Full PDB file with SEQRES, HELIX, SHEET, SSBOND, CRYST1, ORIGX, SCALE, CONECT and MASTER records, all heavy atoms in Angstrom:
SEQRES   1 A   44  SER LEU ALA ALA PHE CYS GLY VAL SER GLN LYS ASN SER          
SEQRES   2 A   44  ALA ALA ASP ILE VAL VAL SER ASP LYS ASP ILE ILE THR          
SEQRES   3 A   44  LEU GLY GLU THR GLU ILE LYS VAL MET SER THR PRO GLY          
SEQRES   4 A   44  HIS THR LYS GLY SER                                          
HELIX    1 AA1 ALA A    4  CYS A    6  5                                   3    
SHEET    1 AA1 2 ILE A  24  LEU A  27  0                                        
SHEET    2 AA1 2 THR A  30  LYS A  33 -1                                        
CRYST1    1.000    1.000    1.000  90.00  90.00  90.00 P 1           1          
ORIGX1      1.000000  0.000000  0.000000        0.00000                         
ORIGX2      0.000000  1.000000  0.000000        0.00000                         
ORIGX3      0.000000  0.000000  1.000000        0.00000                         
SCALE1      1.000000  0.000000  0.000000        0.00000                         
SCALE2      0.000000  1.000000  0.000000        0.00000                         
SCALE3      0.000000  0.000000  1.000000        0.00000                         
ATOM      1  N   SER A   1      47.998-162.235 -79.117  1.00  0.00           N  
ATOM      2  CA  SER A   1      48.919-161.834 -78.034  1.00  0.00           C  
ATOM      3  C   SER A   1      50.191-162.639 -78.010  1.00  0.00           C  
ATOM      4  O   SER A   1      51.101-162.374 -77.210  1.00  0.00           O  
ATOM      5  CB  SER A   1      48.232-161.945 -76.689  1.00  0.00           C  
ATOM      6  OG  SER A   1      48.089-163.311 -76.322  1.00  0.00           O  
ATOM      7  N   LEU A   2      50.255-163.699 -78.820  1.00  0.00           N  
ATOM      8  CA  LEU A   2      51.348-164.685 -78.908  1.00  0.00           C  
ATOM      9  C   LEU A   2      51.354-165.684 -77.760  1.00  0.00           C  
ATOM     10  O   LEU A   2      52.229-166.544 -77.706  1.00  0.00           O  
ATOM     11  CB  LEU A   2      52.723-163.995 -78.997  1.00  0.00           C  
ATOM     12  CG  LEU A   2      52.911-162.985 -80.137  1.00  0.00           C  
ATOM     13  CD1 LEU A   2      54.368-162.472 -80.137  1.00  0.00           C  
ATOM     14  CD2 LEU A   2      52.567-163.586 -81.494  1.00  0.00           C  
ATOM     15  N   ALA A   3      50.373-165.611 -76.853  1.00  0.00           N  
ATOM     16  CA  ALA A   3      50.322-166.571 -75.741  1.00  0.00           C  
ATOM     17  C   ALA A   3      50.212-167.995 -76.281  1.00  0.00           C  
ATOM     18  O   ALA A   3      50.870-168.922 -75.756  1.00  0.00           O  
ATOM     19  CB  ALA A   3      49.138-166.251 -74.822  1.00  0.00           C  
ATOM     20  N   ALA A   4      49.403-168.206 -77.319  1.00  0.00           N  
ATOM     21  CA  ALA A   4      49.185-169.540 -77.859  1.00  0.00           C  
ATOM     22  C   ALA A   4      50.463-170.151 -78.413  1.00  0.00           C  
ATOM     23  O   ALA A   4      50.668-171.359 -78.346  1.00  0.00           O  
ATOM     24  CB  ALA A   4      48.127-169.509 -78.960  1.00  0.00           C  
ATOM     25  N   PHE A   5      51.350-169.317 -78.942  1.00  0.00           N  
ATOM     26  CA  PHE A   5      52.587-169.786 -79.543  1.00  0.00           C  
ATOM     27  C   PHE A   5      53.661-170.082 -78.496  1.00  0.00           C  
ATOM     28  O   PHE A   5      54.654-170.728 -78.796  1.00  0.00           O  
ATOM     29  CB  PHE A   5      53.117-168.788 -80.554  1.00  0.00           C  
ATOM     30  CG  PHE A   5      52.153-168.530 -81.687  1.00  0.00           C  
ATOM     31  CD1 PHE A   5      51.335-167.416 -81.688  1.00  0.00           C  
ATOM     32  CD2 PHE A   5      52.056-169.415 -82.742  1.00  0.00           C  
ATOM     33  CE1 PHE A   5      50.438-167.177 -82.716  1.00  0.00           C  
ATOM     34  CE2 PHE A   5      51.176-169.185 -83.799  1.00  0.00           C  
ATOM     35  CZ  PHE A   5      50.361-168.069 -83.774  1.00  0.00           C  
ATOM     36  N   CYS A   6      53.422-169.589 -77.279  1.00  0.00           N  
ATOM     37  CA  CYS A   6      54.408-169.764 -76.213  1.00  0.00           C  
ATOM     38  C   CYS A   6      53.921-170.697 -75.116  1.00  0.00           C  
ATOM     39  O   CYS A   6      54.543-170.797 -74.045  1.00  0.00           O  
ATOM     40  CB  CYS A   6      54.761-168.390 -75.613  1.00  0.00           C  
ATOM     41  SG  CYS A   6      55.522-167.271 -76.832  1.00  0.00           S  
ATOM     42  N   GLY A   7      52.819-171.380 -75.369  1.00  0.00           N  
ATOM     43  CA  GLY A   7      52.294-172.333 -74.401  1.00  0.00           C  
ATOM     44  C   GLY A   7      51.762-171.700 -73.135  1.00  0.00           C  
ATOM     45  O   GLY A   7      51.748-172.327 -72.075  1.00  0.00           O  
ATOM     46  N   VAL A   8      51.292-170.462 -73.236  1.00  0.00           N  
ATOM     47  CA  VAL A   8      50.791-169.724 -72.073  1.00  0.00           C  
ATOM     48  C   VAL A   8      49.281-169.631 -72.150  1.00  0.00           C  
ATOM     49  O   VAL A   8      48.723-169.277 -73.168  1.00  0.00           O  
ATOM     50  CB  VAL A   8      51.425-168.317 -72.025  1.00  0.00           C  
ATOM     51  CG1 VAL A   8      50.845-167.505 -70.877  1.00  0.00           C  
ATOM     52  CG2 VAL A   8      52.940-168.395 -71.922  1.00  0.00           C  
ATOM     53  N   SER A   9      48.630-169.925 -71.057  1.00  0.00           N  
ATOM     54  CA  SER A   9      47.177-169.792 -70.973  1.00  0.00           C  
ATOM     55  C   SER A   9      46.801-168.318 -70.798  1.00  0.00           C  
ATOM     56  O   SER A   9      47.409-167.615 -69.986  1.00  0.00           O  
ATOM     57  CB  SER A   9      46.638-170.610 -69.807  1.00  0.00           C  
ATOM     58  OG  SER A   9      45.249-170.432 -69.651  1.00  0.00           O  
ATOM     59  N   GLN A  10      45.816-167.873 -71.558  1.00  0.00           N  
ATOM     60  CA  GLN A  10      45.411-166.481 -71.468  1.00  0.00           C  
ATOM     61  C   GLN A  10      43.956-166.375 -71.011  1.00  0.00           C  
ATOM     62  O   GLN A  10      43.073-167.034 -71.574  1.00  0.00           O  
ATOM     63  CB  GLN A  10      45.550-165.790 -72.834  1.00  0.00           C  
ATOM     64  CG  GLN A  10      45.025-164.336 -72.850  1.00  0.00           C  
ATOM     65  CD  GLN A  10      45.381-163.573 -74.112  1.00  0.00           C  
ATOM     66  OE1 GLN A  10      46.489-163.734 -74.639  1.00  0.00           O  
ATOM     67  NE2 GLN A  10      44.473-162.771 -74.610  1.00  0.00           N  
ATOM     68  N   LYS A  11      43.711-165.560 -69.990  1.00  0.00           N  
ATOM     69  CA  LYS A  11      42.370-165.249 -69.548  1.00  0.00           C  
ATOM     70  C   LYS A  11      41.934-163.975 -70.260  1.00  0.00           C  
ATOM     71  O   LYS A  11      42.529-162.912 -70.082  1.00  0.00           O  
ATOM     72  CB  LYS A  11      42.311-165.063 -68.037  1.00  0.00           C  
ATOM     73  CG  LYS A  11      40.924-164.880 -67.482  1.00  0.00           C  
ATOM     74  CD  LYS A  11      40.916-164.892 -65.966  1.00  0.00           C  
ATOM     75  CE  LYS A  11      39.530-164.757 -65.391  1.00  0.00           C  
ATOM     76  NZ  LYS A  11      39.548-164.772 -63.896  1.00  0.00           N  
ATOM     77  N   ASN A  12      40.936-164.097 -71.128  1.00  0.00           N  
ATOM     78  CA  ASN A  12      40.559-162.971 -71.993  1.00  0.00           C  
ATOM     79  C   ASN A  12      39.958-161.817 -71.183  1.00  0.00           C  
ATOM     80  O   ASN A  12      39.328-162.012 -70.147  1.00  0.00           O  
ATOM     81  CB  ASN A  12      39.584-163.438 -73.048  1.00  0.00           C  
ATOM     82  CG  ASN A  12      40.223-164.335 -74.090  1.00  0.00           C  
ATOM     83  OD1 ASN A  12      41.436-164.390 -74.234  1.00  0.00           O  
ATOM     84  ND2 ASN A  12      39.407-165.085 -74.812  1.00  0.00           N  
ATOM     85  N   SER A  13      40.150-160.626 -71.721  1.00  0.00           N  
ATOM     86  CA  SER A  13      39.583-159.417 -71.124  1.00  0.00           C  
ATOM     87  C   SER A  13      39.159-158.479 -72.255  1.00  0.00           C  
ATOM     88  O   SER A  13      39.234-158.853 -73.440  1.00  0.00           O  
ATOM     89  CB  SER A  13      40.590-158.753 -70.204  1.00  0.00           C  
ATOM     90  OG  SER A  13      41.790-158.430 -70.898  1.00  0.00           O  
ATOM     91  N   ALA A  14      38.760-157.280 -71.893  1.00  0.00           N  
ATOM     92  CA  ALA A  14      38.288-156.320 -72.902  1.00  0.00           C  
ATOM     93  C   ALA A  14      38.752-154.922 -72.503  1.00  0.00           C  
ATOM     94  O   ALA A  14      38.952-154.623 -71.324  1.00  0.00           O  
ATOM     95  CB  ALA A  14      36.759-156.363 -73.022  1.00  0.00           C  
ATOM     96  N   ALA A  15      38.864-154.065 -73.494  1.00  0.00           N  
ATOM     97  CA  ALA A  15      39.254-152.673 -73.262  1.00  0.00           C  
ATOM     98  C   ALA A  15      38.068-151.868 -72.784  1.00  0.00           C  
ATOM     99  O   ALA A  15      36.930-152.073 -73.200  1.00  0.00           O  
ATOM    100  CB  ALA A  15      39.823-152.066 -74.538  1.00  0.00           C  
ATOM    101  N   ASP A  16      38.322-150.941 -71.906  1.00  0.00           N  
ATOM    102  CA  ASP A  16      37.340-149.935 -71.505  1.00  0.00           C  
ATOM    103  C   ASP A  16      37.543-148.627 -72.260  1.00  0.00           C  
ATOM    104  O   ASP A  16      36.580-147.912 -72.539  1.00  0.00           O  
ATOM    105  CB  ASP A  16      37.434-149.673 -70.002  1.00  0.00           C  
ATOM    106  CG  ASP A  16      37.094-150.890 -69.184  1.00  0.00           C  
ATOM    107  OD1 ASP A  16      35.932-151.317 -69.196  1.00  0.00           O  
ATOM    108  OD2 ASP A  16      38.017-151.450 -68.563  1.00  0.00           O  
ATOM    109  N   ILE A  17      38.801-148.338 -72.567  1.00  0.00           N  
ATOM    110  CA  ILE A  17      39.153-147.115 -73.297  1.00  0.00           C  
ATOM    111  C   ILE A  17      40.130-147.502 -74.398  1.00  0.00           C  
ATOM    112  O   ILE A  17      41.143-148.147 -74.122  1.00  0.00           O  
ATOM    113  CB  ILE A  17      39.776-146.065 -72.355  1.00  0.00           C  
ATOM    114  CG1 ILE A  17      38.813-145.681 -71.246  1.00  0.00           C  
ATOM    115  CG2 ILE A  17      40.192-144.822 -73.170  1.00  0.00           C  
ATOM    116  CD1 ILE A  17      39.428-144.779 -70.185  1.00  0.00           C  
ATOM    117  N   VAL A  18      39.830-147.102 -75.630  1.00  0.00           N  
ATOM    118  CA  VAL A  18      40.721-147.360 -76.755  1.00  0.00           C  
ATOM    119  C   VAL A  18      41.330-146.028 -77.161  1.00  0.00           C  
ATOM    120  O   VAL A  18      40.638-145.034 -77.404  1.00  0.00           O  
ATOM    121  CB  VAL A  18      39.924-147.982 -77.934  1.00  0.00           C  
ATOM    122  CG1 VAL A  18      40.820-148.139 -79.146  1.00  0.00           C  
ATOM    123  CG2 VAL A  18      39.346-149.331 -77.522  1.00  0.00           C  
ATOM    124  N   VAL A  19      42.666-145.992 -77.236  1.00  0.00           N  
ATOM    125  CA  VAL A  19      43.356-144.714 -77.442  1.00  0.00           C  
ATOM    126  C   VAL A  19      44.079-144.670 -78.787  1.00  0.00           C  
ATOM    127  O   VAL A  19      44.393-145.697 -79.387  1.00  0.00           O  
ATOM    128  CB  VAL A  19      44.372-144.427 -76.325  1.00  0.00           C  
ATOM    129  CG1 VAL A  19      43.643-144.125 -75.032  1.00  0.00           C  
ATOM    130  CG2 VAL A  19      45.347-145.580 -76.151  1.00  0.00           C  
ATOM    131  N   SER A  20      44.348-143.438 -79.212  1.00  0.00           N  
ATOM    132  CA  SER A  20      45.097-143.162 -80.434  1.00  0.00           C  
ATOM    133  C   SER A  20      46.146-142.106 -80.118  1.00  0.00           C  
ATOM    134  O   SER A  20      46.185-141.537 -79.022  1.00  0.00           O  
ATOM    135  CB  SER A  20      44.161-142.658 -81.535  1.00  0.00           C  
ATOM    136  OG  SER A  20      43.160-143.601 -81.828  1.00  0.00           O  
ATOM    137  N   ASP A  21      46.973-141.844 -81.096  1.00  0.00           N  
ATOM    138  CA  ASP A  21      48.061-140.855 -80.944  1.00  0.00           C  
ATOM    139  C   ASP A  21      47.529-139.502 -80.458  1.00  0.00           C  
ATOM    140  O   ASP A  21      46.501-139.011 -80.937  1.00  0.00           O  
ATOM    141  CB  ASP A  21      48.764-140.675 -82.284  1.00  0.00           C  
ATOM    142  CG  ASP A  21      50.048-139.884 -82.195  1.00  0.00           C  
ATOM    143  OD1 ASP A  21      50.849-140.167 -81.267  1.00  0.00           O  
ATOM    144  OD2 ASP A  21      50.263-138.997 -83.033  1.00  0.00           O  
ATOM    145  N   LYS A  22      48.187-138.928 -79.482  1.00  0.00           N  
ATOM    146  CA  LYS A  22      47.917-137.618 -78.901  1.00  0.00           C  
ATOM    147  C   LYS A  22      46.714-137.575 -77.964  1.00  0.00           C  
ATOM    148  O   LYS A  22      46.371-136.518 -77.437  1.00  0.00           O  
ATOM    149  CB  LYS A  22      47.761-136.545 -80.001  1.00  0.00           C  
ATOM    150  CG  LYS A  22      49.007-136.368 -80.830  1.00  0.00           C  
ATOM    151  CD  LYS A  22      48.832-135.302 -81.900  1.00  0.00           C  
ATOM    152  CE  LYS A  22      50.068-135.147 -82.765  1.00  0.00           C  
ATOM    153  NZ  LYS A  22      49.889-134.153 -83.843  1.00  0.00           N  
ATOM    154  N   ASP A  23      46.066-138.705 -77.719  1.00  0.00           N  
ATOM    155  CA  ASP A  23      45.013-138.751 -76.714  1.00  0.00           C  
ATOM    156  C   ASP A  23      45.594-138.408 -75.348  1.00  0.00           C  
ATOM    157  O   ASP A  23      46.788-138.637 -75.088  1.00  0.00           O  
ATOM    158  CB  ASP A  23      44.322-140.098 -76.671  1.00  0.00           C  
ATOM    159  CG  ASP A  23      43.339-140.305 -77.808  1.00  0.00           C  
ATOM    160  OD1 ASP A  23      43.078-139.339 -78.567  1.00  0.00           O  
ATOM    161  OD2 ASP A  23      42.838-141.437 -77.961  1.00  0.00           O  
ATOM    162  N   ILE A  24      44.739-137.918 -74.460  1.00  0.00           N  
ATOM    163  CA  ILE A  24      45.132-137.583 -73.095  1.00  0.00           C  
ATOM    164  C   ILE A  24      44.306-138.408 -72.106  1.00  0.00           C  
ATOM    165  O   ILE A  24      43.070-138.440 -72.205  1.00  0.00           O  
ATOM    166  CB  ILE A  24      44.917-136.075 -72.795  1.00  0.00           C  
ATOM    167  CG1 ILE A  24      45.743-135.191 -73.746  1.00  0.00           C  
ATOM    168  CG2 ILE A  24      45.273-135.764 -71.329  1.00  0.00           C  
ATOM    169  CD1 ILE A  24      47.227-135.282 -73.557  1.00  0.00           C  
ATOM    170  N   ILE A  25      45.003-139.064 -71.188  1.00  0.00           N  
ATOM    171  CA  ILE A  25      44.352-139.754 -70.094  1.00  0.00           C  
ATOM    172  C   ILE A  25      44.566-138.896 -68.837  1.00  0.00           C  
ATOM    173  O   ILE A  25      45.698-138.493 -68.521  1.00  0.00           O  
ATOM    174  CB  ILE A  25      44.956-141.160 -69.841  1.00  0.00           C  
ATOM    175  CG1 ILE A  25      44.828-142.024 -71.102  1.00  0.00           C  
ATOM    176  CG2 ILE A  25      44.319-141.817 -68.645  1.00  0.00           C  
ATOM    177  CD1 ILE A  25      43.424-142.387 -71.499  1.00  0.00           C  
ATOM    178  N   THR A  26      43.469-138.577 -68.140  1.00  0.00           N  
ATOM    179  CA  THR A  26      43.562-137.744 -66.932  1.00  0.00           C  
ATOM    180  C   THR A  26      43.522-138.634 -65.692  1.00  0.00           C  
ATOM    181  O   THR A  26      42.583-139.382 -65.484  1.00  0.00           O  
ATOM    182  CB  THR A  26      42.421-136.720 -66.890  1.00  0.00           C  
ATOM    183  OG1 THR A  26      42.468-135.911 -68.072  1.00  0.00           O  
ATOM    184  CG2 THR A  26      42.542-135.824 -65.660  1.00  0.00           C  
ATOM    185  N   LEU A  27      44.571-138.508 -64.884  1.00  0.00           N  
ATOM    186  CA  LEU A  27      44.698-139.245 -63.639  1.00  0.00           C  
ATOM    187  C   LEU A  27      44.764-138.241 -62.511  1.00  0.00           C  
ATOM    188  O   LEU A  27      45.819-137.659 -62.247  1.00  0.00           O  
ATOM    189  CB  LEU A  27      45.953-140.123 -63.670  1.00  0.00           C  
ATOM    190  CG  LEU A  27      46.245-140.960 -62.424  1.00  0.00           C  
ATOM    191  CD1 LEU A  27      45.228-142.094 -62.293  1.00  0.00           C  
ATOM    192  CD2 LEU A  27      47.670-141.535 -62.475  1.00  0.00           C  
ATOM    193  N   GLY A  28      43.622-138.000 -61.862  1.00  0.00           N  
ATOM    194  CA  GLY A  28      43.612-136.930 -60.848  1.00  0.00           C  
ATOM    195  C   GLY A  28      43.947-135.608 -61.503  1.00  0.00           C  
ATOM    196  O   GLY A  28      43.264-135.164 -62.435  1.00  0.00           O  
ATOM    197  N   GLU A  29      45.028-134.985 -61.050  1.00  0.00           N  
ATOM    198  CA  GLU A  29      45.459-133.714 -61.630  1.00  0.00           C  
ATOM    199  C   GLU A  29      46.584-133.905 -62.639  1.00  0.00           C  
ATOM    200  O   GLU A  29      47.183-132.929 -63.126  1.00  0.00           O  
ATOM    201  CB  GLU A  29      45.936-132.781 -60.515  1.00  0.00           C  
ATOM    202  CG  GLU A  29      44.844-132.447 -59.501  1.00  0.00           C  
ATOM    203  CD  GLU A  29      45.331-131.566 -58.356  1.00  0.00           C  
ATOM    204  OE1 GLU A  29      46.432-130.996 -58.485  1.00  0.00           O  
ATOM    205  OE2 GLU A  29      44.617-131.480 -57.336  1.00  0.00           O  
ATOM    206  N   THR A  30      46.900-135.128 -62.996  1.00  0.00           N  
ATOM    207  CA  THR A  30      47.996-135.445 -63.885  1.00  0.00           C  
ATOM    208  C   THR A  30      47.487-135.829 -65.276  1.00  0.00           C  
ATOM    209  O   THR A  30      46.517-136.594 -65.406  1.00  0.00           O  
ATOM    210  CB  THR A  30      48.823-136.630 -63.318  1.00  0.00           C  
ATOM    211  OG1 THR A  30      49.390-136.244 -62.069  1.00  0.00           O  
ATOM    212  CG2 THR A  30      49.916-137.040 -64.285  1.00  0.00           C  
ATOM    213  N   GLU A  31      48.102-135.278 -66.310  1.00  0.00           N  
ATOM    214  CA  GLU A  31      47.762-135.628 -67.675  1.00  0.00           C  
ATOM    215  C   GLU A  31      48.797-136.592 -68.237  1.00  0.00           C  
ATOM    216  O   GLU A  31      50.007-136.355 -68.102  1.00  0.00           O  
ATOM    217  CB  GLU A  31      47.682-134.381 -68.549  1.00  0.00           C  
ATOM    218  CG  GLU A  31      46.465-133.510 -68.268  1.00  0.00           C  
ATOM    219  CD  GLU A  31      46.246-132.449 -69.332  1.00  0.00           C  
ATOM    220  OE1 GLU A  31      47.190-132.154 -70.113  1.00  0.00           O  
ATOM    221  OE2 GLU A  31      45.145-131.897 -69.377  1.00  0.00           O  
ATOM    222  N   ILE A  32      48.301-137.632 -68.858  1.00  0.00           N  
ATOM    223  CA  ILE A  32      49.183-138.649 -69.478  1.00  0.00           C  
ATOM    224  C   ILE A  32      48.886-138.651 -70.962  1.00  0.00           C  
ATOM    225  O   ILE A  32      47.778-138.944 -71.387  1.00  0.00           O  
ATOM    226  CB  ILE A  32      48.901-140.048 -68.879  1.00  0.00           C  
ATOM    227  CG1 ILE A  32      49.063-140.029 -67.357  1.00  0.00           C  
ATOM    228  CG2 ILE A  32      49.839-141.083 -69.510  1.00  0.00           C  
ATOM    229  CD1 ILE A  32      48.531-141.264 -66.664  1.00  0.00           C  
ATOM    230  N   LYS A  33      49.912-138.322 -71.744  1.00  0.00           N  
ATOM    231  CA  LYS A  33      49.746-138.218 -73.195  1.00  0.00           C  
ATOM    232  C   LYS A  33      50.123-139.537 -73.869  1.00  0.00           C  
ATOM    233  O   LYS A  33      51.112-140.163 -73.529  1.00  0.00           O  
ATOM    234  CB  LYS A  33      50.632-137.098 -73.753  1.00  0.00           C  
ATOM    235  CG  LYS A  33      50.511-136.875 -75.233  1.00  0.00           C  
ATOM    236  CD  LYS A  33      51.428-135.743 -75.721  1.00  0.00           C  
ATOM    237  CE  LYS A  33      51.338-135.562 -77.227  1.00  0.00           C  
ATOM    238  NZ  LYS A  33      52.245-134.480 -77.703  1.00  0.00           N  
ATOM    239  N   VAL A  34      49.307-139.914 -74.830  1.00  0.00           N  
ATOM    240  CA  VAL A  34      49.534-141.129 -75.609  1.00  0.00           C  
ATOM    241  C   VAL A  34      50.330-140.783 -76.857  1.00  0.00           C  
ATOM    242  O   VAL A  34      49.961-139.875 -77.611  1.00  0.00           O  
ATOM    243  CB  VAL A  34      48.203-141.790 -75.993  1.00  0.00           C  
ATOM    244  CG1 VAL A  34      48.453-143.051 -76.826  1.00  0.00           C  
ATOM    245  CG2 VAL A  34      47.368-142.122 -74.774  1.00  0.00           C  
ATOM    246  N   MET A  35      51.406-141.513 -77.092  1.00  0.00           N  
ATOM    247  CA  MET A  35      52.165-141.359 -78.321  1.00  0.00           C  
ATOM    248  C   MET A  35      52.173-142.698 -79.069  1.00  0.00           C  
ATOM    249  O   MET A  35      52.637-143.709 -78.539  1.00  0.00           O  
ATOM    250  CB  MET A  35      53.618-140.925 -78.061  1.00  0.00           C  
ATOM    251  CG  MET A  35      54.489-140.920 -79.310  1.00  0.00           C  
ATOM    252  SD  MET A  35      56.240-140.503 -79.000  1.00  0.00           S  
ATOM    253  CE  MET A  35      56.119-138.710 -78.971  1.00  0.00           C  
ATOM    254  N   SER A  36      51.641-142.723 -80.258  1.00  0.00           N  
ATOM    255  CA  SER A  36      51.631-143.917 -81.092  1.00  0.00           C  
ATOM    256  C   SER A  36      53.040-144.208 -81.598  1.00  0.00           C  
ATOM    257  O   SER A  36      53.677-143.364 -82.205  1.00  0.00           O  
ATOM    258  CB  SER A  36      50.676-143.734 -82.262  1.00  0.00           C  
ATOM    259  OG  SER A  36      50.674-144.855 -83.107  1.00  0.00           O  
ATOM    260  N   THR A  37      53.532-145.448 -81.335  1.00  0.00           N  
ATOM    261  CA  THR A  37      54.885-145.826 -81.735  1.00  0.00           C  
ATOM    262  C   THR A  37      54.882-147.255 -82.305  1.00  0.00           C  
ATOM    263  O   THR A  37      55.465-148.170 -81.692  1.00  0.00           O  
ATOM    264  CB  THR A  37      55.861-145.711 -80.551  1.00  0.00           C  
ATOM    265  OG1 THR A  37      55.356-146.486 -79.443  1.00  0.00           O  
ATOM    266  CG2 THR A  37      56.052-144.279 -80.125  1.00  0.00           C  
ATOM    267  N   PRO A  38      54.259-147.462 -83.438  1.00  0.00           N  
ATOM    268  CA  PRO A  38      54.236-148.823 -84.026  1.00  0.00           C  
ATOM    269  C   PRO A  38      55.643-149.291 -84.418  1.00  0.00           C  
ATOM    270  O   PRO A  38      56.542-148.486 -84.595  1.00  0.00           O  
ATOM    271  CB  PRO A  38      53.344-148.650 -85.249  1.00  0.00           C  
ATOM    272  CG  PRO A  38      53.452-147.199 -85.607  1.00  0.00           C  
ATOM    273  CD  PRO A  38      53.602-146.478 -84.300  1.00  0.00           C  
ATOM    274  N   GLY A  39      55.754-150.593 -84.517  1.00  0.00           N  
ATOM    275  CA  GLY A  39      57.045-151.196 -84.893  1.00  0.00           C  
ATOM    276  C   GLY A  39      57.190-152.547 -84.216  1.00  0.00           C  
ATOM    277  O   GLY A  39      57.364-153.569 -84.879  1.00  0.00           O  
ATOM    278  N   HIS A  40      57.059-152.580 -82.891  1.00  0.00           N  
ATOM    279  CA  HIS A  40      57.055-153.844 -82.169  1.00  0.00           C  
ATOM    280  C   HIS A  40      55.746-154.568 -82.384  1.00  0.00           C  
ATOM    281  O   HIS A  40      55.684-155.757 -82.620  1.00  0.00           O  
ATOM    282  CB  HIS A  40      57.318-153.577 -80.686  1.00  0.00           C  
ATOM    283  CG  HIS A  40      57.425-154.816 -79.843  1.00  0.00           C  
ATOM    284  ND1 HIS A  40      58.397-155.757 -80.023  1.00  0.00           N  
ATOM    285  CD2 HIS A  40      56.654-155.264 -78.814  1.00  0.00           C  
ATOM    286  CE1 HIS A  40      58.246-156.739 -79.154  1.00  0.00           C  
ATOM    287  NE2 HIS A  40      57.194-156.462 -78.405  1.00  0.00           N  
ATOM    288  N   THR A  41      54.653-153.809 -82.282  1.00  0.00           N  
ATOM    289  CA  THR A  41      53.323-154.226 -82.719  1.00  0.00           C  
ATOM    290  C   THR A  41      52.707-153.060 -83.467  1.00  0.00           C  
ATOM    291  O   THR A  41      53.203-151.922 -83.385  1.00  0.00           O  
ATOM    292  CB  THR A  41      52.399-154.593 -81.542  1.00  0.00           C  
ATOM    293  OG1 THR A  41      52.120-153.411 -80.762  1.00  0.00           O  
ATOM    294  CG2 THR A  41      53.019-155.683 -80.655  1.00  0.00           C  
ATOM    295  N   LYS A  42      51.599-153.298 -84.153  1.00  0.00           N  
ATOM    296  CA  LYS A  42      50.926-152.222 -84.899  1.00  0.00           C  
ATOM    297  C   LYS A  42      50.417-151.143 -83.942  1.00  0.00           C  
ATOM    298  O   LYS A  42      50.346-149.971 -84.300  1.00  0.00           O  
ATOM    299  CB  LYS A  42      49.766-152.790 -85.707  1.00  0.00           C  
ATOM    300  CG  LYS A  42      50.200-153.582 -86.936  1.00  0.00           C  
ATOM    301  CD  LYS A  42      50.938-152.716 -87.942  1.00  0.00           C  
ATOM    302  CE  LYS A  42      51.368-153.507 -89.173  1.00  0.00           C  
ATOM    303  NZ  LYS A  42      52.230-152.699 -90.050  1.00  0.00           N  
ATOM    304  N   GLY A  43      50.047-151.563 -82.727  1.00  0.00           N  
ATOM    305  CA  GLY A  43      49.428-150.625 -81.817  1.00  0.00           C  
ATOM    306  C   GLY A  43      50.278-150.241 -80.611  1.00  0.00           C  
ATOM    307  O   GLY A  43      49.734-149.772 -79.606  1.00  0.00           O  
ATOM    308  N   SER A  44      51.575-150.425 -80.693  1.00  0.00           N  
ATOM    309  CA  SER A  44      52.421-150.003 -79.586  1.00  0.00           C  
ATOM    310  C   SER A  44      52.299-148.520 -79.318  1.00  0.00           C  
ATOM    311  O   SER A  44      52.230-147.713 -80.261  1.00  0.00           O  
ATOM    312  CB  SER A  44      53.882-150.341 -79.885  1.00  0.00           C  
ATOM    313  OG  SER A  44      54.142-151.714 -79.836  1.00  0.00           O  
TER     314      SER A  44                                                      
MASTER        0    0    0    1    2    0    0    6  313    1    0    4          
END                                                                             
């Protein structure tokens, strides 16, 4: 996460949902589409 290189303490966590390009997250009646856009990081 680069925290170690910036002198920042990180409290670790874990993913509940791992997404890929074109996945859909449903929030109530709203659909949120995932678009994979690597470049800044591999998984942006």
